[in-house]
Protein backbone atom coordinates (compact mmCIF):
# COMPACT_ATOMS: atom_id res chain seq x y z
CA MET A 1 18.29 32.14 10.99
CA THR A 2 15.34 31.37 8.74
CA SER A 3 11.77 31.01 10.01
CA VAL A 4 8.84 29.21 8.40
CA GLY A 5 5.29 29.29 9.76
CA ILE A 6 3.60 25.90 9.71
CA GLY A 7 -0.15 25.29 9.48
CA ILE A 8 -1.35 21.80 10.34
CA LEU A 9 -4.70 20.40 9.19
CA GLY A 10 -5.70 17.53 11.48
CA ALA A 11 -4.33 16.58 14.89
CA GLY A 12 -5.23 12.91 15.16
CA THR A 13 -2.86 9.97 15.56
CA VAL A 14 -0.25 11.39 13.20
CA GLY A 15 -1.09 15.10 13.38
CA GLY A 16 -0.88 15.20 17.16
CA VAL A 17 2.62 13.70 17.06
CA VAL A 18 3.71 16.12 14.32
CA VAL A 19 2.58 19.12 16.41
CA ARG A 20 4.35 17.78 19.50
CA ARG A 21 7.59 17.03 17.72
CA LEU A 22 7.68 20.33 15.86
CA THR A 23 7.21 22.06 19.19
CA GLU A 24 9.50 19.98 21.39
CA ASP A 25 12.23 19.47 18.78
CA ARG A 26 12.18 23.02 17.42
CA GLU A 27 15.65 23.86 18.80
CA SER A 28 17.11 20.56 17.68
CA VAL A 29 15.81 21.04 14.13
CA LEU A 30 17.17 24.59 14.10
CA VAL A 31 20.64 23.42 15.12
CA ARG A 32 20.72 20.59 12.57
CA THR A 33 19.09 22.36 9.60
CA GLY A 34 19.18 26.11 10.22
CA LEU A 35 15.38 26.15 9.92
CA ASP A 36 13.15 27.67 12.59
CA LEU A 37 9.89 25.77 12.06
CA GLU A 38 7.09 27.37 14.07
CA VAL A 39 3.59 25.92 14.36
CA LYS A 40 1.25 28.86 13.80
CA ARG A 41 -2.20 27.26 13.49
CA VAL A 42 -3.71 23.78 13.97
CA ALA A 43 -7.13 22.84 12.53
CA VAL A 44 -9.13 20.22 14.43
CA ARG A 45 -12.67 18.90 14.27
CA ASP A 46 -13.40 19.33 17.98
CA ALA A 47 -11.68 22.25 19.71
CA GLU A 48 -12.89 21.04 23.13
CA ARG A 49 -11.07 17.74 22.95
CA GLY A 50 -7.90 17.70 25.02
CA ARG A 51 -4.88 17.31 22.75
CA GLY A 52 -2.05 18.92 24.68
CA ILE A 53 -1.84 21.67 22.03
CA ASP A 54 -1.64 25.36 22.90
CA ALA A 55 -5.29 26.45 22.77
CA SER A 56 -4.34 29.73 21.07
CA LEU A 57 -3.21 27.75 18.01
CA VAL A 58 -6.34 25.63 17.66
CA THR A 59 -9.23 26.32 15.29
CA THR A 60 -12.03 24.32 13.72
CA ASP A 61 -11.78 26.34 10.50
CA ALA A 62 -9.31 24.52 8.26
CA ARG A 63 -9.62 27.07 5.46
CA ALA A 64 -8.63 29.82 7.91
CA VAL A 65 -5.37 27.97 8.50
CA VAL A 66 -4.70 27.80 4.75
CA ASP A 67 -5.48 31.51 4.34
CA ASP A 68 -3.53 32.68 7.41
CA PRO A 69 -0.75 35.03 6.17
CA THR A 70 1.60 33.87 8.97
CA VAL A 71 1.35 30.29 7.65
CA GLN A 72 3.81 29.65 4.84
CA LEU A 73 3.64 25.84 4.64
CA ILE A 74 0.65 23.50 5.03
CA VAL A 75 0.71 19.99 6.47
CA GLU A 76 -2.48 18.10 5.52
CA LEU A 77 -3.28 15.20 7.84
CA ILE A 78 -7.08 15.15 7.66
CA GLY A 79 -7.29 12.12 5.38
CA GLY A 80 -9.87 11.27 2.74
CA VAL A 81 -10.44 12.95 -0.59
CA ASP A 82 -12.79 15.76 0.52
CA PRO A 83 -12.42 18.38 1.91
CA ALA A 84 -8.70 17.61 1.98
CA GLY A 85 -8.35 17.94 -1.79
CA GLU A 86 -9.83 21.41 -2.00
CA LEU A 87 -7.75 22.60 0.95
CA VAL A 88 -4.56 21.31 -0.67
CA LEU A 89 -5.44 22.96 -3.99
CA ALA A 90 -6.18 26.25 -2.20
CA ALA A 91 -2.84 26.13 -0.40
CA LEU A 92 -0.94 25.41 -3.62
CA ALA A 93 -2.77 28.19 -5.45
CA ALA A 94 -1.66 30.56 -2.68
CA GLY A 95 1.95 29.53 -3.29
CA LYS A 96 2.26 27.49 -0.12
CA PRO A 97 4.09 24.16 -0.19
CA VAL A 98 2.04 21.19 0.99
CA VAL A 99 3.13 18.08 2.88
CA THR A 100 0.58 15.28 3.18
CA ALA A 101 0.30 11.70 4.38
CA ASN A 102 -2.99 11.24 2.53
CA LYS A 103 -2.71 8.16 0.30
CA GLU A 104 -6.39 8.28 -0.68
CA LEU A 105 -6.06 11.83 -1.95
CA ILE A 106 -2.84 11.25 -3.89
CA ALA A 107 -4.19 8.04 -5.43
CA ALA A 108 -7.49 9.67 -6.42
CA ARG A 109 -6.35 13.11 -7.59
CA GLY A 110 -2.59 12.85 -8.02
CA PRO A 111 -2.18 14.30 -11.56
CA GLU A 112 -4.40 17.28 -10.73
CA LEU A 113 -2.48 18.02 -7.54
CA PHE A 114 0.95 17.61 -9.13
CA ALA A 115 -0.07 19.94 -11.95
CA ALA A 116 -1.27 22.54 -9.44
CA ALA A 117 2.00 22.32 -7.51
CA ALA A 118 4.03 22.69 -10.72
CA ALA A 119 1.94 25.68 -11.82
CA ALA A 120 2.50 27.35 -8.45
CA GLY A 121 6.19 26.47 -8.41
CA VAL A 122 6.00 24.94 -4.93
CA PRO A 123 6.57 21.37 -3.71
CA LEU A 124 3.86 18.83 -2.92
CA LEU A 125 5.48 16.11 -0.81
CA PHE A 126 3.91 12.86 0.39
CA GLU A 127 6.60 10.53 1.70
CA ALA A 128 4.31 9.43 4.55
CA ALA A 129 1.50 8.35 2.20
CA VAL A 130 3.05 4.90 1.66
CA GLY A 131 4.99 2.83 4.13
CA GLY A 132 4.72 5.07 7.20
CA GLY A 133 8.28 5.64 8.37
CA ILE A 134 9.86 3.74 5.45
CA PRO A 135 11.52 6.10 2.96
CA ILE A 136 10.12 4.89 -0.37
CA ILE A 137 8.50 7.82 -2.24
CA ARG A 138 11.68 9.85 -2.62
CA PRO A 139 13.76 6.84 -3.69
CA LEU A 140 11.23 6.00 -6.41
CA ALA A 141 10.63 9.57 -7.56
CA GLU A 142 14.22 10.81 -7.37
CA THR A 143 16.99 8.36 -6.46
CA LEU A 144 15.79 5.66 -8.87
CA ALA A 145 14.40 8.01 -11.52
CA GLY A 146 17.17 6.98 -13.91
CA GLU A 147 16.49 3.26 -13.51
CA VAL A 148 13.98 1.47 -15.75
CA LEU A 149 12.33 -0.48 -12.97
CA SER A 150 10.62 -3.74 -13.85
CA ARG A 151 8.67 -4.66 -10.74
CA VAL A 152 7.61 -3.33 -7.35
CA SER A 153 5.94 -5.66 -4.88
CA GLY A 154 5.35 -5.40 -1.21
CA ILE A 155 3.48 -5.68 2.04
CA VAL A 156 2.02 -2.21 2.47
CA ASN A 157 -0.66 -2.79 5.09
CA GLY A 158 0.45 -3.64 8.61
CA THR A 159 -2.99 -4.71 9.84
CA THR A 160 -3.38 -7.49 7.28
CA ASN A 161 0.20 -8.65 7.68
CA PHE A 162 -0.31 -8.89 11.44
CA VAL A 163 -3.53 -10.86 10.98
CA LEU A 164 -1.91 -13.31 8.54
CA THR A 165 1.08 -13.68 10.87
CA GLN A 166 -1.24 -14.51 13.77
CA MET A 167 -3.02 -17.09 11.65
CA SER A 168 0.30 -18.61 10.64
CA ASP A 169 2.20 -18.50 13.94
CA MET A 170 -0.62 -18.89 16.46
CA GLY A 171 -3.06 -20.98 14.46
CA GLU A 172 -5.88 -18.45 14.95
CA ASP A 173 -8.68 -18.22 12.44
CA TYR A 174 -9.33 -14.93 10.64
CA ALA A 175 -11.89 -13.59 13.14
CA ALA A 176 -9.71 -14.35 16.17
CA ALA A 177 -6.59 -12.89 14.57
CA LEU A 178 -8.45 -9.70 13.63
CA ALA A 179 -9.79 -9.40 17.18
CA THR A 180 -6.24 -9.69 18.50
CA ALA A 181 -5.13 -6.92 16.14
CA GLN A 182 -7.96 -4.69 17.35
CA ASP A 183 -7.13 -5.38 21.00
CA LEU A 184 -3.54 -4.30 20.35
CA GLY A 185 -4.59 -1.15 18.49
CA LEU A 186 -3.27 -2.49 15.19
CA ALA A 187 -6.69 -2.57 13.51
CA GLU A 188 -9.49 -0.03 13.46
CA ALA A 189 -12.90 -0.73 14.98
CA ASP A 190 -14.05 -0.80 11.35
CA PRO A 191 -11.16 -2.56 9.58
CA THR A 192 -12.86 -2.72 6.17
CA ALA A 193 -10.37 -0.51 4.32
CA ASP A 194 -7.51 -2.68 5.52
CA VAL A 195 -8.88 -6.22 5.24
CA SER A 196 -10.63 -5.57 1.90
CA GLY A 197 -7.37 -4.47 0.31
CA ALA A 198 -8.61 -0.92 -0.40
CA ASP A 199 -5.88 0.71 1.68
CA ALA A 200 -3.20 -1.32 -0.09
CA ALA A 201 -4.74 -0.52 -3.49
CA ALA A 202 -4.35 3.23 -2.96
CA LYS A 203 -0.70 2.68 -2.06
CA ALA A 204 -0.23 0.35 -5.03
CA ALA A 205 -1.54 3.05 -7.37
CA ILE A 206 1.03 5.50 -6.02
CA LEU A 207 3.91 3.04 -6.13
CA ALA A 208 3.10 1.87 -9.66
CA SER A 209 2.73 5.40 -10.97
CA LEU A 210 6.05 6.55 -9.50
CA ALA A 211 7.94 3.40 -10.46
CA PHE A 212 6.91 3.38 -14.12
CA GLY A 213 6.16 7.03 -14.94
CA THR A 214 2.64 6.23 -16.13
CA TRP A 215 -0.30 7.26 -14.01
CA VAL A 216 -2.15 4.16 -12.80
CA PRO A 217 -5.68 5.03 -11.60
CA VAL A 218 -6.68 3.29 -8.39
CA ALA A 219 -9.89 2.21 -10.11
CA SER A 220 -7.83 0.09 -12.53
CA ILE A 221 -6.26 -1.97 -9.74
CA HIS A 222 -7.71 -5.42 -9.18
CA THR A 223 -8.24 -5.67 -5.43
CA GLU A 224 -8.87 -8.64 -3.16
CA GLY A 225 -8.59 -8.77 0.62
CA ILE A 226 -7.87 -11.44 3.20
CA THR A 227 -11.33 -12.22 4.57
CA ASP A 228 -11.53 -15.55 2.74
CA ILE A 229 -8.10 -16.82 3.77
CA SER A 230 -8.42 -20.00 5.82
CA PRO A 231 -5.96 -21.39 8.39
CA ILE A 232 -5.98 -24.69 6.49
CA ASP A 233 -4.60 -22.99 3.38
CA ILE A 234 -1.92 -21.25 5.42
CA GLU A 235 -1.03 -24.67 6.84
CA PHE A 236 -1.01 -26.39 3.45
CA ALA A 237 1.02 -23.53 1.97
CA ALA A 238 3.61 -23.88 4.72
CA GLY A 239 3.88 -27.59 4.01
CA LEU A 240 4.60 -26.77 0.37
CA GLY A 241 7.24 -24.20 1.32
CA TYR A 242 5.17 -21.01 0.99
CA VAL A 243 3.91 -18.17 3.17
CA VAL A 244 0.59 -16.37 2.51
CA LYS A 245 0.86 -12.58 2.25
CA LEU A 246 -1.37 -9.76 1.05
CA LEU A 247 0.74 -8.18 -1.68
CA ALA A 248 0.60 -4.98 -3.66
CA ILE A 249 2.23 -5.74 -7.01
CA ALA A 250 3.13 -3.52 -9.93
CA GLU A 251 4.93 -4.69 -13.08
CA ARG A 252 6.16 -3.24 -16.33
CA THR A 253 5.51 -5.56 -19.29
CA GLU A 254 5.73 -5.24 -23.06
CA GLN A 255 1.93 -4.95 -23.13
CA GLY A 256 1.77 -2.24 -20.49
CA VAL A 257 1.86 -1.54 -16.77
CA ASN A 258 -0.23 -3.63 -14.41
CA ALA A 259 -0.94 -3.23 -10.72
CA ARG A 260 -2.95 -5.40 -8.37
CA VAL A 261 -3.58 -6.25 -4.71
CA HIS A 262 -4.42 -9.77 -3.57
CA PRO A 263 -3.33 -12.58 -1.25
CA ALA A 264 -0.46 -14.60 -2.66
CA LEU A 265 1.75 -17.57 -1.87
CA VAL A 266 5.35 -16.40 -1.50
CA LYS A 267 8.22 -18.89 -1.38
CA ASP A 268 9.50 -19.12 2.18
CA ASP A 269 13.04 -18.06 1.22
CA HIS A 270 11.86 -14.86 -0.48
CA PRO A 271 12.68 -11.66 1.47
CA LEU A 272 9.00 -10.73 1.78
CA ALA A 273 8.20 -14.07 3.43
CA ALA A 274 10.23 -13.04 6.49
CA ILE A 275 8.22 -9.86 7.10
CA ARG A 276 6.18 -10.55 10.21
CA GLY A 277 3.61 -8.73 12.33
CA ALA A 278 2.67 -5.16 11.46
CA THR A 279 5.90 -4.50 9.55
CA ASN A 280 5.75 -3.23 5.97
CA ALA A 281 8.25 -4.02 3.22
CA ILE A 282 8.63 -3.00 -0.41
CA PHE A 283 10.74 -5.04 -2.85
CA ILE A 284 12.04 -3.20 -5.92
CA GLU A 285 13.56 -4.85 -8.99
CA GLY A 286 15.44 -3.31 -11.90
CA PRO A 287 18.16 -4.24 -14.38
CA SER A 288 20.89 -2.13 -12.78
CA VAL A 289 19.98 -2.15 -9.08
CA ASP A 290 18.92 -5.81 -9.22
CA GLN A 291 16.85 -6.10 -6.03
CA LEU A 292 16.27 -3.59 -3.24
CA LEU A 293 14.28 -4.15 -0.04
CA PHE A 294 12.84 -1.31 2.03
CA ALA A 295 11.35 -2.47 5.33
CA GLY A 296 10.21 -1.00 8.62
CA PRO A 297 7.21 0.27 10.59
CA GLY A 298 4.51 1.03 8.06
CA ALA A 299 2.04 2.84 10.29
CA GLY A 300 1.62 4.49 13.67
CA GLY A 301 1.94 8.07 14.84
CA GLU A 302 5.66 8.21 15.53
CA PRO A 303 7.05 6.51 12.38
CA THR A 304 4.64 8.32 10.07
CA ALA A 305 5.33 11.65 11.77
CA THR A 306 9.05 11.13 11.08
CA ALA A 307 8.33 10.90 7.35
CA VAL A 308 6.09 13.98 7.55
CA LEU A 309 8.77 15.99 9.36
CA GLY A 310 11.37 15.02 6.77
CA ASP A 311 9.10 16.40 4.06
CA VAL A 312 8.42 19.57 6.07
CA ILE A 313 12.16 20.25 6.34
CA ASP A 314 12.65 19.56 2.62
CA ALA A 315 9.71 21.78 1.62
CA ALA A 316 10.84 24.58 3.94
CA ARG A 317 14.30 24.54 2.39
CA GLU A 318 12.83 24.83 -1.10
CA LEU A 319 10.48 27.60 0.01
CA LEU A 320 13.32 29.64 1.46
CA ALA A 321 15.53 29.06 -1.57
CA GLY A 322 13.25 31.53 -3.32
CA SER A 323 13.12 29.93 -6.76
CA ASP A 324 10.24 28.16 -8.42
CA ALA A 325 10.35 24.44 -7.76
CA ALA A 326 10.80 22.33 -10.86
CA PRO A 327 8.17 19.60 -11.22
CA ARG A 328 9.38 16.62 -9.19
CA ILE A 329 7.04 14.11 -10.78
CA LEU A 330 6.00 13.87 -14.41
CA PHE A 331 3.93 11.18 -16.10
CA ALA A 332 4.03 10.03 -19.70
CA PRO A 333 1.17 8.34 -21.56
CA GLY A 334 1.20 4.59 -21.16
CA GLU A 335 -0.98 1.52 -21.39
CA VAL A 336 -2.47 0.04 -18.20
CA LEU A 337 -2.83 -3.68 -18.79
CA ASP A 338 -6.22 -5.27 -18.18
CA PHE A 339 -6.07 -7.65 -15.22
CA GLY A 340 -7.40 -10.50 -17.31
CA GLU A 341 -4.17 -10.37 -19.33
CA VAL A 342 -1.91 -10.63 -16.28
CA SER A 343 -0.16 -13.98 -15.93
CA SER A 344 0.52 -15.85 -12.70
CA LYS A 345 0.52 -19.31 -11.18
CA TRP A 346 -2.38 -20.42 -8.99
CA TYR A 347 -2.73 -22.60 -5.90
CA LEU A 348 -6.07 -24.42 -5.74
CA ARG A 349 -7.64 -26.50 -3.00
CA LEU A 350 -10.38 -28.79 -4.28
CA GLU A 351 -12.72 -30.98 -2.28
CA VAL A 352 -13.32 -33.96 -4.56
CA ALA A 353 -14.90 -37.39 -4.75
CA ASP A 354 -12.23 -40.06 -4.19
CA LEU A 355 -13.02 -42.01 -7.35
CA PRO A 356 -11.07 -43.34 -10.32
CA GLY A 357 -10.69 -40.81 -13.14
CA VAL A 358 -11.14 -37.70 -11.00
CA LEU A 359 -7.72 -36.29 -11.79
CA ALA A 360 -8.22 -36.95 -15.49
CA GLN A 361 -11.44 -34.92 -15.51
CA ILE A 362 -9.77 -32.10 -13.61
CA ALA A 363 -6.79 -32.13 -15.97
CA SER A 364 -9.19 -31.98 -18.92
CA SER A 365 -10.82 -28.83 -17.53
CA PHE A 366 -7.45 -27.18 -17.20
CA GLY A 367 -6.46 -28.33 -20.67
CA GLU A 368 -9.54 -26.80 -22.23
CA ALA A 369 -8.59 -23.47 -20.63
CA GLU A 370 -4.99 -23.90 -21.85
CA VAL A 371 -3.66 -24.02 -18.29
CA SER A 372 -1.14 -26.70 -17.38
CA ILE A 373 -0.80 -28.24 -13.93
CA LYS A 374 2.64 -28.03 -12.36
CA SER A 375 2.12 -30.09 -9.17
CA VAL A 376 -0.64 -32.14 -7.51
CA TRP A 377 -0.98 -33.47 -3.96
CA GLN A 378 -3.81 -35.42 -2.36
CA GLU A 379 -4.76 -35.03 1.28
CA GLY A 380 -7.16 -37.54 2.86
CA LEU A 381 -9.33 -40.30 1.40
CA GLY A 382 -12.98 -41.05 0.71
CA ASP A 383 -15.40 -38.26 1.51
CA GLU A 384 -12.53 -36.21 2.99
CA ALA A 385 -10.40 -36.23 -0.16
CA THR A 386 -8.69 -32.93 -0.93
CA LEU A 387 -6.57 -32.13 -3.96
CA LEU A 388 -3.96 -29.37 -3.84
CA LEU A 389 -2.76 -28.09 -7.19
CA ILE A 390 -0.29 -25.49 -8.34
CA THR A 391 -0.56 -24.48 -11.98
CA HIS A 392 2.02 -23.21 -14.38
CA SER A 393 1.79 -19.51 -15.23
CA ALA A 394 -1.20 -18.56 -17.36
CA ARG A 395 -3.31 -15.50 -18.02
CA GLU A 396 -5.83 -14.54 -15.36
CA ALA A 397 -8.70 -15.04 -17.80
CA GLN A 398 -7.54 -18.60 -18.53
CA GLN A 399 -7.13 -19.47 -14.85
CA ARG A 400 -10.63 -18.20 -14.12
CA GLN A 401 -12.03 -20.20 -17.03
CA ALA A 402 -10.43 -23.34 -15.59
CA VAL A 403 -11.90 -22.69 -12.14
CA GLU A 404 -15.37 -22.13 -13.59
CA SER A 405 -15.06 -25.42 -15.47
CA LEU A 406 -14.01 -27.25 -12.30
CA GLU A 407 -17.04 -25.90 -10.45
CA GLY A 408 -19.22 -27.58 -13.07
CA LEU A 409 -17.73 -31.05 -12.59
CA ALA A 410 -19.78 -33.57 -10.60
CA VAL A 411 -16.59 -35.01 -9.08
CA VAL A 412 -15.58 -31.62 -7.65
CA LYS A 413 -17.61 -30.90 -4.55
CA ARG A 414 -16.11 -27.45 -4.04
CA VAL A 415 -13.29 -25.20 -5.15
CA ALA A 416 -12.42 -24.34 -1.57
CA ALA A 417 -9.56 -21.93 -2.27
CA ALA A 418 -7.85 -20.20 -5.19
CA ILE A 419 -4.77 -18.14 -4.31
CA ARG A 420 -2.18 -16.79 -6.72
CA VAL A 421 1.44 -17.88 -6.44
CA GLU A 422 3.71 -14.88 -6.85
CA SER A 423 7.17 -16.32 -6.24
CA ASP A 424 8.83 -19.69 -6.63
CA GLU A 425 12.27 -18.21 -6.22
CA VAL A 426 13.90 -14.83 -5.75
């Protein structure tokens, strides 16, 4: 029998479940793995708050948990970059493996943390940082390490996917759909990180870096949220055979790696179009594996705790093996492509004057920007005239130039929407 003392930093939504499951399932884990995982200390912000945790284990001093000699493995579930980062570095320096679900920390300080883990010869595992209960980090870092992946795209934020699903299925506007998500506990009281795309951007940085072996700083990721998405565009998109999703996208091109987060029109027969509610899904493409889809619950205490526990078992096995852990993740120098050089199609909704020659003027603006129009539809007449356009693929800088030109035309009352089109076919 082999015993490992576990120290847990943070006992919130995920941490509380991890403590409970390590305690209640201790015998089951022992039988299945031969590991006796014992929770030794739990750091919390408020020791007086009832959590159902043995009071003798609880402390408000997180560093004391890291330094405790009976703790051999640290689980960091505090969140944020500080003080989590310094606690993780201290644990690694002490030769203690670390398991974390902290996407912000990995995205912000990944190379530094990986280097510290390699220097200490202990694992740093973060399966739960992206996709909740979906196994995606290990497949990218290990199973698919021999594949030259070309593209990773996905729905990596359950809150925004739920909101867009509500807008699509129930006809709610953005504010109503968000309120529904909050009522159901699927959105925070302050949902800014989710709806702005910031949460998805941190995950996109991790996915892109693992998929392509080049570190992609989160600051380099173009990020847009869903706050400007209108029910009318969701309706028009559906009529054209598309679904609106907030996507995290990473691609390998001849010019370099690019990663971005923004709303996009996805063809309704694409696998990501069928992902509804708070579900997450990640679509991986490569020359040998063709296309892989990983889907499941992307958040919540129970699914995320499952990913954390898997990492704890893996890290405990490595710890007890007694040999220095080889670096799991290495990054080579590479070029991160400027977003202005990224090519995509665009969907545009224009409110226009219903007059002769309008389309010719609009086409001229696109032509000057070297963007060609693929399809045009008109909705309504007179003062209510609306043009829907989908362009052919062009560089982001060219598409933006075309939109700026349109906004200067007297016949264009308003560019009411501009959404990228990310799939016409699988």
